[in-house]
C-alpha atoms as a PDB file:
ATOM      1  CA  MET A   1      57.141 125.089  37.663  1.00  0.00           C
ATOM      2  CA  ASP A   2      57.281 127.610  40.377  1.00  0.00           C
ATOM      3  CA  VAL A   3      60.873 128.104  41.813  1.00  0.00           C
ATOM      4  CA  ALA A   4      62.400 129.777  44.811  1.00  0.00           C
ATOM      5  CA  ILE A   5      66.088 130.578  45.136  1.00  0.00           C
ATOM      6  CA  LEU A   6      67.353 130.672  48.730  1.00  0.00           C
ATOM      7  CA  GLY A   7      70.819 132.271  48.817  1.00  0.00           C
ATOM      8  CA  PHE A   8      71.625 135.181  46.585  1.00  0.00           C
ATOM      9  CA  GLY A   9      75.402 135.334  47.000  1.00  0.00           C
ATOM     10  CA  PHE A  10      77.949 134.492  44.339  1.00  0.00           C
ATOM     11  CA  LEU A  11      76.360 131.320  43.188  1.00  0.00           C
ATOM     12  CA  GLY A  12      72.686 132.391  43.403  1.00  0.00           C
ATOM     13  CA  LYS A  13      73.381 135.575  41.309  1.00  0.00           C
ATOM     14  CA  ASN A  14      75.215 133.330  38.732  1.00  0.00           C
ATOM     15  CA  LEU A  15      72.281 130.695  38.608  1.00  0.00           C
ATOM     16  CA  VAL A  16      70.036 133.783  37.859  1.00  0.00           C
ATOM     17  CA  LYS A  17      72.327 134.928  35.250  1.00  0.00           C
ATOM     18  CA  TYR A  18      72.300 131.518  33.515  1.00  0.00           C
ATOM     19  CA  LEU A  19      68.590 131.003  33.962  1.00  0.00           C
ATOM     20  CA  THR A  20      68.135 134.078  31.745  1.00  0.00           C
ATOM     21  CA  ILE A  21      70.595 132.608  29.132  1.00  0.00           C
ATOM     22  CA  ARG A  22      68.533 129.290  29.037  1.00  0.00           C
ATOM     23  CA  TRP A  23      65.049 130.987  29.544  1.00  0.00           C
ATOM     24  CA  ASP A  24      63.689 130.310  26.134  1.00  0.00           C
ATOM     25  CA  GLU A  25      64.677 126.663  26.327  1.00  0.00           C
ATOM     26  CA  LEU A  26      63.348 126.392  29.868  1.00  0.00           C
ATOM     27  CA  LYS A  27      59.990 127.690  28.740  1.00  0.00           C
ATOM     28  CA  ARG A  28      59.962 125.352  25.975  1.00  0.00           C
ATOM     29  CA  ILE A  29      60.308 122.605  28.379  1.00  0.00           C
ATOM     30  CA  ASP A  30      57.671 123.870  30.859  1.00  0.00           C
ATOM     31  CA  PRO A  31      55.602 126.890  29.671  1.00  0.00           C
ATOM     32  CA  ASN A  32      54.762 127.644  33.154  1.00  0.00           C
ATOM     33  CA  PHE A  33      58.342 127.594  34.330  1.00  0.00           C
ATOM     34  CA  LYS A  34      59.062 130.864  36.535  1.00  0.00           C
ATOM     35  CA  VAL A  35      61.128 131.968  39.424  1.00  0.00           C
ATOM     36  CA  THR A  36      58.556 133.278  42.028  1.00  0.00           C
ATOM     37  CA  ALA A  37      60.739 133.899  45.095  1.00  0.00           C
ATOM     38  CA  ILE A  38      64.601 134.914  45.677  1.00  0.00           C
ATOM     39  CA  ALA A  39      65.864 135.267  49.291  1.00  0.00           C
ATOM     40  CA  ASN A  40      69.181 136.526  50.880  1.00  0.00           C
ATOM     41  CA  SER A  41      70.169 136.767  54.703  1.00  0.00           C
ATOM     42  CA  LYS A  42      68.081 139.772  55.036  1.00  0.00           C
ATOM     43  CA  GLY A  43      64.884 138.910  53.444  1.00  0.00           C
ATOM     44  CA  TYR A  44      63.123 138.096  50.194  1.00  0.00           C
ATOM     45  CA  ILE A  45      61.259 139.118  47.113  1.00  0.00           C
ATOM     46  CA  TYR A  46      58.175 137.371  45.983  1.00  0.00           C
ATOM     47  CA  ASP A  47      55.899 137.493  42.931  1.00  0.00           C
ATOM     48  CA  SER A  48      53.424 134.762  42.142  1.00  0.00           C
ATOM     49  CA  ASN A  49      53.344 135.764  38.644  1.00  0.00           C
ATOM     50  CA  GLY A  50      57.234 135.385  38.278  1.00  0.00           C
ATOM     51  CA  ILE A  51      60.118 137.576  39.066  1.00  0.00           C
ATOM     52  CA  ASP A  52      61.732 139.452  36.169  1.00  0.00           C
ATOM     53  CA  LEU A  53      65.168 137.847  36.030  1.00  0.00           C
ATOM     54  CA  PHE A  54      66.443 139.788  33.346  1.00  0.00           C
ATOM     55  CA  GLN A  55      66.059 143.019  35.378  1.00  0.00           C
ATOM     56  CA  LEU A  56      67.422 141.403  38.405  1.00  0.00           C
ATOM     57  CA  SER A  57      70.479 139.958  36.488  1.00  0.00           C
ATOM     58  CA  GLU A  58      71.450 143.523  35.651  1.00  0.00           C
ATOM     59  CA  THR A  59      71.054 145.095  39.232  1.00  0.00           C
ATOM     60  CA  GLN A  60      71.968 141.887  41.286  1.00  0.00           C
ATOM     61  CA  ASP A  61      70.209 143.665  44.143  1.00  0.00           C
ATOM     62  CA  LEU A  62      66.987 142.275  45.617  1.00  0.00           C
ATOM     63  CA  THR A  63      66.502 145.439  47.560  1.00  0.00           C
ATOM     64  CA  SER A  64      66.323 147.733  44.306  1.00  0.00           C
ATOM     65  CA  TYR A  65      63.915 145.344  42.441  1.00  0.00           C
ATOM     66  CA  SER A  66      61.211 147.326  41.243  1.00  0.00           C
ATOM     67  CA  LYS A  67      58.307 145.031  40.412  1.00  0.00           C
ATOM     68  CA  ALA A  68      58.005 143.590  43.991  1.00  0.00           C
ATOM     69  CA  PRO A  69      58.607 144.712  47.635  1.00  0.00           C
ATOM     70  CA  PHE A  70      61.520 143.351  49.478  1.00  0.00           C
ATOM     71  CA  CYS A  71      60.178 141.719  52.612  1.00  0.00           C
ATOM     72  CA  PHE A  72      62.525 141.821  55.619  1.00  0.00           C
ATOM     73  CA  GLU A  73      61.609 138.453  56.848  1.00  0.00           C
ATOM     74  CA  GLN A  74      63.641 135.100  56.920  1.00  0.00           C
ATOM     75  CA  ALA A  75      63.430 132.573  53.999  1.00  0.00           C
ATOM     76  CA  ALA A  76      61.910 130.034  56.648  1.00  0.00           C
ATOM     77  CA  THR A  77      58.729 132.151  56.823  1.00  0.00           C
ATOM     78  CA  LEU A  78      58.647 132.139  52.986  1.00  0.00           C
ATOM     79  CA  ILE A  79      58.764 128.400  52.574  1.00  0.00           C
ATOM     80  CA  GLU A  80      56.259 127.731  55.419  1.00  0.00           C
ATOM     81  CA  ARG A  81      53.763 130.028  53.745  1.00  0.00           C
ATOM     82  CA  GLU A  82      54.094 129.708  50.228  1.00  0.00           C
ATOM     83  CA  PHE A  83      54.397 126.461  47.960  1.00  0.00           C
ATOM     84  CA  PHE A  84      57.076 125.939  45.460  1.00  0.00           C
ATOM     85  CA  ASP A  85      57.590 123.034  42.828  1.00  0.00           C
ATOM     86  CA  CYS A  86      61.443 123.523  43.353  1.00  0.00           C
ATOM     87  CA  VAL A  87      63.650 125.052  46.004  1.00  0.00           C
ATOM     88  CA  PHE A  88      67.223 125.829  45.268  1.00  0.00           C
ATOM     89  CA  GLU A  89      68.923 126.026  48.559  1.00  0.00           C
ATOM     90  CA  LEU A  90      72.272 127.899  48.158  1.00  0.00           C
ATOM     91  CA  THR A  91      72.915 129.565  51.578  1.00  0.00           C
ATOM     92  CA  PRO A  92      76.602 129.213  52.913  1.00  0.00           C
ATOM     93  CA  THR A  93      77.816 125.858  54.198  1.00  0.00           C
ATOM     94  CA  ASN A  94      77.700 125.335  57.835  1.00  0.00           C
ATOM     95  CA  VAL A  95      79.130 122.037  59.130  1.00  0.00           C
ATOM     96  CA  LYS A  96      78.497 122.628  62.778  1.00  0.00           C
ATOM     97  CA  ASN A  97      74.600 122.599  62.763  1.00  0.00           C
ATOM     98  CA  GLY A  98      73.893 122.956  58.990  1.00  0.00           C
ATOM     99  CA  GLU A  99      71.774 126.023  59.558  1.00  0.00           C
ATOM    100  CA  PRO A 100      69.815 127.604  58.086  1.00  0.00           C
ATOM    101  CA  GLY A 101      70.138 125.367  55.203  1.00  0.00           C
ATOM    102  CA  LEU A 102      69.213 122.240  56.979  1.00  0.00           C
ATOM    103  CA  SER A 103      65.955 123.774  58.254  1.00  0.00           C
ATOM    104  CA  HIS A 104      65.165 125.182  54.775  1.00  0.00           C
ATOM    105  CA  ILE A 105      65.480 121.616  53.217  1.00  0.00           C
ATOM    106  CA  ARG A 106      63.841 119.969  55.968  1.00  0.00           C
ATOM    107  CA  LYS A 107      60.753 122.107  55.602  1.00  0.00           C
ATOM    108  CA  SER A 108      60.691 122.140  51.876  1.00  0.00           C
ATOM    109  CA  LEU A 109      60.828 118.345  51.629  1.00  0.00           C
ATOM    110  CA  SER A 110      58.317 117.636  54.429  1.00  0.00           C
ATOM    111  CA  ARG A 111      55.847 119.887  52.330  1.00  0.00           C
ATOM    112  CA  GLY A 112      56.444 117.855  49.131  1.00  0.00           C
ATOM    113  CA  MET A 113      58.800 120.449  47.447  1.00  0.00           C
ATOM    114  CA  ASN A 114      61.627 119.258  45.428  1.00  0.00           C
ATOM    115  CA  VAL A 115      65.056 120.542  46.572  1.00  0.00           C
ATOM    116  CA  ILE A 116      68.251 121.112  44.608  1.00  0.00           C
ATOM    117  CA  THR A 117      71.321 122.204  46.761  1.00  0.00           C
ATOM    118  CA  ALA A 118      74.922 123.135  46.609  1.00  0.00           C
ATOM    119  CA  ASN A 119      75.138 123.388  50.524  1.00  0.00           C
ATOM    120  CA  LYS A 120      77.170 120.533  52.005  1.00  0.00           C
ATOM    121  CA  GLY A 121      76.250 121.074  55.653  1.00  0.00           C
ATOM    122  CA  PRO A 122      72.841 119.588  55.702  1.00  0.00           C
ATOM    123  CA  LEU A 123      73.993 116.387  53.650  1.00  0.00           C
ATOM    124  CA  VAL A 124      76.992 115.952  55.786  1.00  0.00           C
ATOM    125  CA  LEU A 125      74.929 116.199  59.137  1.00  0.00           C
ATOM    126  CA  ALA A 126      71.668 114.637  58.034  1.00  0.00           C
ATOM    127  CA  TYR A 127      71.990 112.809  54.632  1.00  0.00           C
ATOM    128  CA  ASN A 128      69.927 109.591  55.386  1.00  0.00           C
ATOM    129  CA  GLU A 129      67.292 111.584  57.270  1.00  0.00           C
ATOM    130  CA  LEU A 130      66.754 114.048  54.318  1.00  0.00           C
ATOM    131  CA  VAL A 131      66.684 111.268  51.750  1.00  0.00           C
ATOM    132  CA  SER A 132      64.015 109.512  53.537  1.00  0.00           C
ATOM    133  CA  LEU A 133      62.149 112.640  53.985  1.00  0.00           C
ATOM    134  CA  ALA A 134      62.271 113.042  50.368  1.00  0.00           C
ATOM    135  CA  LYS A 135      61.030 109.501  49.605  1.00  0.00           C
ATOM    136  CA  THR A 136      58.233 109.875  52.098  1.00  0.00           C
ATOM    137  CA  ASN A 137      56.750 113.013  50.542  1.00  0.00           C
ATOM    138  CA  ASP A 138      57.527 111.685  46.992  1.00  0.00           C
ATOM    139  CA  CYS A 139      59.835 114.746  45.922  1.00  0.00           C
ATOM    140  CA  LEU A 140      63.497 114.993  44.770  1.00  0.00           C
ATOM    141  CA  LEU A 141      66.632 115.813  46.753  1.00  0.00           C
ATOM    142  CA  LEU A 142      69.389 116.681  44.152  1.00  0.00           C
ATOM    143  CA  PHE A 143      72.764 117.777  45.178  1.00  0.00           C
ATOM    144  CA  GLU A 144      75.242 117.567  42.193  1.00  0.00           C
ATOM    145  CA  ALA A 145      76.788 120.876  43.118  1.00  0.00           C
ATOM    146  CA  THR A 146      77.960 119.680  46.580  1.00  0.00           C
ATOM    147  CA  VAL A 147      80.984 117.689  45.119  1.00  0.00           C
ATOM    148  CA  ALA A 148      83.407 118.820  42.756  1.00  0.00           C
ATOM    149  CA  GLY A 149      81.313 121.495  41.302  1.00  0.00           C
ATOM    150  CA  ALA A 150      80.578 121.131  37.564  1.00  0.00           C
ATOM    151  CA  VAL A 151      81.773 117.520  37.473  1.00  0.00           C
ATOM    152  CA  PRO A 152      78.973 115.152  37.051  1.00  0.00           C
ATOM    153  CA  VAL A 153      79.811 112.721  39.851  1.00  0.00           C
ATOM    154  CA  PHE A 154      76.356 111.689  41.034  1.00  0.00           C
ATOM    155  CA  SER A 155      74.766 111.808  37.600  1.00  0.00           C
ATOM    156  CA  LEU A 156      77.397 109.523  36.239  1.00  0.00           C
ATOM    157  CA  VAL A 157      76.650 106.954  38.767  1.00  0.00           C
ATOM    158  CA  ARG A 158      72.793 107.264  38.950  1.00  0.00           C
ATOM    159  CA  GLU A 159      72.371 107.359  35.173  1.00  0.00           C
ATOM    160  CA  SER A 160      75.387 105.500  33.659  1.00  0.00           C
ATOM    161  CA  LEU A 161      76.458 103.087  36.295  1.00  0.00           C
ATOM    162  CA  GLN A 162      73.456 101.445  37.133  1.00  0.00           C
ATOM    163  CA  GLY A 163      74.518  97.963  36.653  1.00  0.00           C
ATOM    164  CA  ASP A 164      77.831  98.357  38.071  1.00  0.00           C
ATOM    165  CA  LYS A 165      79.157  98.637  41.759  1.00  0.00           C
ATOM    166  CA  VAL A 166      81.444 101.225  42.817  1.00  0.00           C
ATOM    167  CA  ILE A 167      84.211  99.533  44.995  1.00  0.00           C
ATOM    168  CA  ARG A 168      86.417 102.733  45.792  1.00  0.00           C
ATOM    169  CA  ILE A 169      86.323 106.449  45.138  1.00  0.00           C
ATOM    170  CA  GLN A 170      89.240 108.780  45.246  1.00  0.00           C
ATOM    171  CA  GLY A 171      89.889 112.174  44.072  1.00  0.00           C
ATOM    172  CA  ILE A 172      91.312 115.913  44.441  1.00  0.00           C
ATOM    173  CA  LEU A 173      88.080 117.428  46.060  1.00  0.00           C
ATOM    174  CA  ASN A 174      89.130 120.764  46.984  1.00  0.00           C
ATOM    175  CA  GLY A 175      90.324 123.101  44.487  1.00  0.00           C
ATOM    176  CA  THR A 176      91.855 125.684  47.004  1.00  0.00           C
ATOM    177  CA  THR A 177      94.405 123.310  48.242  1.00  0.00           C
ATOM    178  CA  ASN A 178      95.144 121.875  44.689  1.00  0.00           C
ATOM    179  CA  TYR A 179      96.055 125.457  43.562  1.00  0.00           C
ATOM    180  CA  ILE A 180      98.288 126.030  46.628  1.00  0.00           C
ATOM    181  CA  LEU A 181     100.177 122.739  46.015  1.00  0.00           C
ATOM    182  CA  SER A 182     100.475 123.526  42.118  1.00  0.00           C
ATOM    183  CA  ARG A 183     101.877 126.866  42.763  1.00  0.00           C
ATOM    184  CA  MET A 184     104.422 125.466  45.171  1.00  0.00           C
ATOM    185  CA  TYR A 185     105.316 122.750  42.819  1.00  0.00           C
ATOM    186  CA  TYR A 186     105.496 124.614  39.528  1.00  0.00           C
ATOM    187  CA  GLU A 187     106.419 127.990  40.665  1.00  0.00           C
ATOM    188  CA  GLY A 188     108.490 127.373  43.726  1.00  0.00           C
ATOM    189  CA  VAL A 189     106.698 129.794  45.937  1.00  0.00           C
ATOM    190  CA  SER A 190     106.367 129.142  49.859  1.00  0.00           C
ATOM    191  CA  PHE A 191     103.020 127.726  51.262  1.00  0.00           C
ATOM    192  CA  ASP A 192     102.371 131.013  52.856  1.00  0.00           C
ATOM    193  CA  ILE A 193     102.596 132.946  49.677  1.00  0.00           C
ATOM    194  CA  ALA A 194     100.514 130.473  47.784  1.00  0.00           C
ATOM    195  CA  LEU A 195      97.931 130.433  50.461  1.00  0.00           C
ATOM    196  CA  ARG A 196      97.815 134.264  50.303  1.00  0.00           C
ATOM    197  CA  GLU A 197      97.340 134.411  46.559  1.00  0.00           C
ATOM    198  CA  ALA A 198      94.411 131.948  46.955  1.00  0.00           C
ATOM    199  CA  GLN A 199      92.911 134.232  49.362  1.00  0.00           C
ATOM    200  CA  GLU A 200      93.374 137.138  47.215  1.00  0.00           C
ATOM    201  CA  LYS A 201      91.786 135.303  44.223  1.00  0.00           C
ATOM    202  CA  GLY A 202      88.828 134.456  46.450  1.00  0.00           C
ATOM    203  CA  LEU A 203      89.357 130.728  46.307  1.00  0.00           C
ATOM    204  CA  THR A 204      89.416 130.082  49.867  1.00  0.00           C
ATOM    205  CA  GLU A 205      86.551 129.629  52.468  1.00  0.00           C
ATOM    206  CA  ARG A 206      85.955 132.689  54.688  1.00  0.00           C
ATOM    207  CA  ASP A 207      88.034 130.498  57.343  1.00  0.00           C
ATOM    208  CA  PHE A 208      90.782 129.217  55.278  1.00  0.00           C
ATOM    209  CA  ALA A 209      91.393 126.464  57.709  1.00  0.00           C
ATOM    210  CA  TYR A 210      88.328 124.670  56.259  1.00  0.00           C
ATOM    211  CA  ASP A 211      90.420 124.093  53.102  1.00  0.00           C
ATOM    212  CA  ILE A 212      93.926 123.597  54.142  1.00  0.00           C
ATOM    213  CA  ASP A 213      93.122 121.415  57.264  1.00  0.00           C
ATOM    214  CA  GLY A 214      91.014 119.202  54.869  1.00  0.00           C
ATOM    215  CA  ILE A 215      87.617 119.684  56.437  1.00  0.00           C
ATOM    216  CA  ASP A 216      86.039 120.845  53.194  1.00  0.00           C
ATOM    217  CA  ALA A 217      87.525 117.685  51.231  1.00  0.00           C
ATOM    218  CA  ALA A 218      86.342 115.565  54.171  1.00  0.00           C
ATOM    219  CA  CYS A 219      82.648 116.916  53.903  1.00  0.00           C
ATOM    220  CA  LYS A 220      82.715 115.755  50.377  1.00  0.00           C
ATOM    221  CA  VAL A 221      84.023 112.371  51.369  1.00  0.00           C
ATOM    222  CA  VAL A 222      81.039 111.750  53.818  1.00  0.00           C
ATOM    223  CA  ILE A 223      78.578 112.846  51.092  1.00  0.00           C
ATOM    224  CA  LEU A 224      80.170 110.466  48.581  1.00  0.00           C
ATOM    225  CA  ALA A 225      80.369 107.649  50.853  1.00  0.00           C
ATOM    226  CA  ASN A 226      76.496 107.939  51.874  1.00  0.00           C
ATOM    227  CA  ALA A 227      75.100 108.768  48.341  1.00  0.00           C
ATOM    228  CA  ILE A 228      77.108 106.317  46.374  1.00  0.00           C
ATOM    229  CA  MET A 229      78.452 103.692  48.801  1.00  0.00           C
ATOM    230  CA  GLY A 230      75.355 103.442  51.007  1.00  0.00           C
ATOM    231  CA  ARG A 231      77.230 104.269  54.139  1.00  0.00           C
ATOM    232  CA  LYS A 232      75.739 106.015  57.245  1.00  0.00           C
ATOM    233  CA  ALA A 233      79.020 108.265  57.690  1.00  0.00           C
ATOM    234  CA  VAL A 234      79.603 111.324  59.683  1.00  0.00           C
ATOM    235  CA  LEU A 235      82.373 113.717  59.470  1.00  0.00           C
ATOM    236  CA  SER A 236      84.135 112.304  62.624  1.00  0.00           C
ATOM    237  CA  ASP A 237      84.429 108.766  60.623  1.00  0.00           C
ATOM    238  CA  VAL A 238      86.896 110.557  58.448  1.00  0.00           C
ATOM    239  CA  LYS A 239      90.618 110.288  59.111  1.00  0.00           C
ATOM    240  CA  ILE A 240      91.826 113.866  58.230  1.00  0.00           C
ATOM    241  CA  SER A 241      95.091 115.206  57.561  1.00  0.00           C
ATOM    242  CA  GLY A 242      95.399 118.543  55.805  1.00  0.00           C
ATOM    243  CA  ILE A 243      98.345 120.416  53.979  1.00  0.00           C
ATOM    244  CA  ARG A 244      99.773 122.856  56.406  1.00  0.00           C
ATOM    245  CA  GLY A 245     102.779 120.773  57.065  1.00  0.00           C
ATOM    246  CA  ILE A 246     103.705 120.685  53.296  1.00  0.00           C
ATOM    247  CA  ASN A 247     106.969 122.695  52.716  1.00  0.00           C
ATOM    248  CA  GLU A 248     109.328 123.523  49.831  1.00  0.00           C
ATOM    249  CA  GLU A 249     111.424 120.653  50.869  1.00  0.00           C
ATOM    250  CA  ALA A 250     108.740 117.998  50.752  1.00  0.00           C
ATOM    251  CA  ILE A 251     107.638 119.199  47.195  1.00  0.00           C
ATOM    252  CA  SER A 252     111.391 119.402  45.799  1.00  0.00           C
ATOM    253  CA  LEU A 253     111.756 115.711  47.052  1.00  0.00           C
ATOM    254  CA  ALA A 254     108.450 114.682  45.438  1.00  0.00           C
ATOM    255  CA  LYS A 255     109.446 116.451  42.222  1.00  0.00           C
ATOM    256  CA  LYS A 256     112.799 114.594  42.083  1.00  0.00           C
ATOM    257  CA  SER A 257     111.084 111.103  42.288  1.00  0.00           C
ATOM    258  CA  GLY A 258     108.602 112.179  39.555  1.00  0.00           C
ATOM    259  CA  TYR A 259     105.697 112.671  41.843  1.00  0.00           C
ATOM    260  CA  ALA A 260     103.401 115.599  42.975  1.00  0.00           C
ATOM    261  CA  ILE A 261     101.729 115.993  46.343  1.00  0.00           C
ATOM    262  CA  LYS A 262      98.149 116.187  46.278  1.00  0.00           C
ATOM    263  CA  LEU A 263      95.492 116.189  48.843  1.00  0.00           C
ATOM    264  CA  ILE A 264      93.313 113.078  48.195  1.00  0.00           C
ATOM    265  CA  GLY A 265      89.952 112.279  49.492  1.00  0.00           C
ATOM    266  CA  GLU A 266      89.170 108.502  49.528  1.00  0.00           C
ATOM    267  CA  VAL A 267      86.212 106.304  50.117  1.00  0.00           C
ATOM    268  CA  GLU A 268      86.839 102.629  50.571  1.00  0.00           C
ATOM    269  CA  LYS A 269      86.691 100.396  53.772  1.00  0.00           C
ATOM    270  CA  ASP A 270      88.078 103.553  55.804  1.00  0.00           C
ATOM    271  CA  LEU A 271      87.406 107.230  54.917  1.00  0.00           C
ATOM    272  CA  ARG A 272      90.359 109.584  54.736  1.00  0.00           C
ATOM    273  CA  VAL A 273      91.689 112.788  53.430  1.00  0.00           C
ATOM    274  CA  SER A 274      95.455 113.179  53.563  1.00  0.00           C
ATOM    275  CA  PRO A 275      98.438 114.467  51.307  1.00  0.00           C
ATOM    276  CA  ARG A 276      99.501 111.625  48.913  1.00  0.00           C
ATOM    277  CA  LEU A 277     102.180 111.231  46.371  1.00  0.00           C
ATOM    278  CA  VAL A 278     100.673 111.057  43.170  1.00  0.00           C
ATOM    279  CA  PRO A 279     102.558 110.058  39.776  1.00  0.00           C
ATOM    280  CA  LEU A 280     102.638 112.787  37.378  1.00  0.00           C
ATOM    281  CA  SER A 281     101.180 110.592  34.685  1.00  0.00           C
ATOM    282  CA  HIS A 282      98.152 109.430  36.893  1.00  0.00           C
ATOM    283  CA  PRO A 283      94.703 110.709  35.763  1.00  0.00           C
ATOM    284  CA  LEU A 284      94.074 112.341  39.018  1.00  0.00           C
ATOM    285  CA  CYS A 285      97.205 114.448  38.852  1.00  0.00           C
ATOM    286  CA  VAL A 286      95.535 117.621  37.678  1.00  0.00           C
ATOM    287  CA  ASN A 287      96.656 121.165  38.519  1.00  0.00           C
ATOM    288  CA  GLY A 288      95.435 124.722  39.455  1.00  0.00           C
ATOM    289  CA  THR A 289      91.796 124.766  40.796  1.00  0.00           C
ATOM    290  CA  LEU A 290      90.868 121.669  38.965  1.00  0.00           C
ATOM    291  CA  ASN A 291      89.073 118.643  40.772  1.00  0.00           C
ATOM    292  CA  SER A 292      89.288 115.039  39.744  1.00  0.00           C
ATOM    293  CA  VAL A 293      87.222 112.091  40.787  1.00  0.00           C
ATOM    294  CA  GLN A 294      88.185 108.544  39.936  1.00  0.00           C
ATOM    295  CA  PHE A 295      85.646 105.639  40.485  1.00  0.00           C
ATOM    296  CA  ILE A 296      86.845 102.018  40.599  1.00  0.00           C
ATOM    297  CA  CYS A 297      84.159  99.691  39.552  1.00  0.00           C
ATOM    298  CA  ASP A 298      83.982  96.005  39.526  1.00  0.00           C
ATOM    299  CA  ILE A 299      83.061  95.906  35.882  1.00  0.00           C
ATOM    300  CA  ALA A 300      84.117  99.149  34.298  1.00  0.00           C
ATOM    301  CA  GLY A 301      87.229  99.359  36.070  1.00  0.00           C
ATOM    302  CA  GLU A 302      88.692 102.929  36.542  1.00  0.00           C
ATOM    303  CA  ILE A 303      86.689 105.899  35.429  1.00  0.00           C
ATOM    304  CA  THR A 304      88.215 109.385  35.968  1.00  0.00           C
ATOM    305  CA  LEU A 305      86.293 112.723  35.957  1.00  0.00           C
ATOM    306  CA  VAL A 306      88.060 115.974  35.739  1.00  0.00           C
ATOM    307  CA  GLY A 307      86.676 119.671  35.721  1.00  0.00           C
ATOM    308  CA  HIS A 308      86.199 122.879  37.790  1.00  0.00           C
ATOM    309  CA  GLY A 309      85.251 122.256  41.334  1.00  0.00           C
ATOM    310  CA  SER A 310      84.036 125.783  42.262  1.00  0.00           C
ATOM    311  CA  GLY A 311      83.120 129.175  40.771  1.00  0.00           C
ATOM    312  CA  LYS A 312      80.429 130.002  38.255  1.00  0.00           C
ATOM    313  CA  GLU A 313      81.000 126.617  36.614  1.00  0.00           C
ATOM    314  CA  THR A 314      79.208 125.056  39.569  1.00  0.00           C
ATOM    315  CA  VAL A 315      75.924 126.424  37.933  1.00  0.00           C
ATOM    316  CA  SER A 316      76.180 123.481  35.437  1.00  0.00           C
ATOM    317  CA  ALA A 317      75.473 121.095  38.302  1.00  0.00           C
ATOM    318  CA  LEU A 318      72.609 123.258  39.267  1.00  0.00           C
ATOM    319  CA  LEU A 319      71.093 123.304  35.904  1.00  0.00           C
ATOM    320  CA  ASN A 320      71.633 119.665  35.355  1.00  0.00           C
ATOM    321  CA  ASP A 321      69.601 119.037  38.535  1.00  0.00           C
ATOM    322  CA  LEU A 322      66.871 121.452  37.403  1.00  0.00           C
ATOM    323  CA  TYR A 323      66.510 119.670  34.186  1.00  0.00           C
ATOM    324  CA  THR A 324      66.144 116.332  36.108  1.00  0.00           C
ATOM    325  CA  THR A 325      63.452 117.861  38.108  1.00  0.00           C
ATOM    326  CA  LEU A 326      61.452 119.233  35.224  1.00  0.00           C
ATOM    327  CA  ARG A 327      61.645 115.797  33.407  1.00  0.00           C
ATOM    328  CA  ALA A 328      60.475 114.105  36.637  1.00  0.00           C
ATOM    329  CA  GLN A 329      57.679 116.871  37.095  1.00  0.00           C
ATOM    330  CA  ALA A 330      56.489 116.287  33.374  1.00  0.00           C
ATOM    331  CA  ILE A 331      56.292 112.308  33.933  1.00  0.00           C
ATOM    332  CA  LYS A 332      54.041 113.015  37.291  1.00  0.00           C
ATOM    333  CA  SER A 333      51.719 115.236  35.340  1.00  0.00           C
END
């Protein structure tokens, strides 16, 4: 399997790191497994014989990689010219027009390349189109990393709830807002201080409004609705209310009543993101940067998953999708 990684930021670098850790295992599964291209926003390196991930993992710098030249061309040129069995699309999320990720995924799928992505933008804007494109060209589009990071949301439904029906989904889908609300609840800090702490820890998006105004959570609600509930939802279908208006007084009143305030995303008849009062004993009531997702099924009842929604833990979801792709390739061959 020849693999390309488009996007060499935090997630791309951590993916390379964990590919080296799992290298022997991956080579046992597929002796021909290799990463032949890695791209960032300025260009890419390409080696048909395979990039030395161990060297690259040490330097984490594409331009200083010694075994292949750095090409100052866009990743779009790369995936038009070369063929890859699997493309990781890890460029930054853009919910306005989905680019450049949307074009990367469209081109890859149209050429019959399997795609694994952590990029929410293309799925929010063009989920049904991309799924249809994958089906038409007999390839996979996998996106476990787009919702709740390391929490195996889509894998659970795809593999373990095949005979069941998901009636409702709800959860804490944004770790940044959960961190802010947890700091306000347990440490008594103000909203502004908690937000500044989140920024200093690198938990927020470049534009923190994306987190605190509920846009990030709403994007995940759209993906859940379309992928699991079979909807044709778009972002404007979600009723969104963020956490800007949550102050110390509101936190104090909730605490006195035995509740915590959490930003909850919900998929049922309506799609919504809003602050809710959640009992402290409720399985969704997790703290810090943790995410939680609860499925209400017609046979299994309530199933709740909890885990890290961002950070290097998200690589777990990417690797899960890679192993799924490797198994599918083995069956084809």
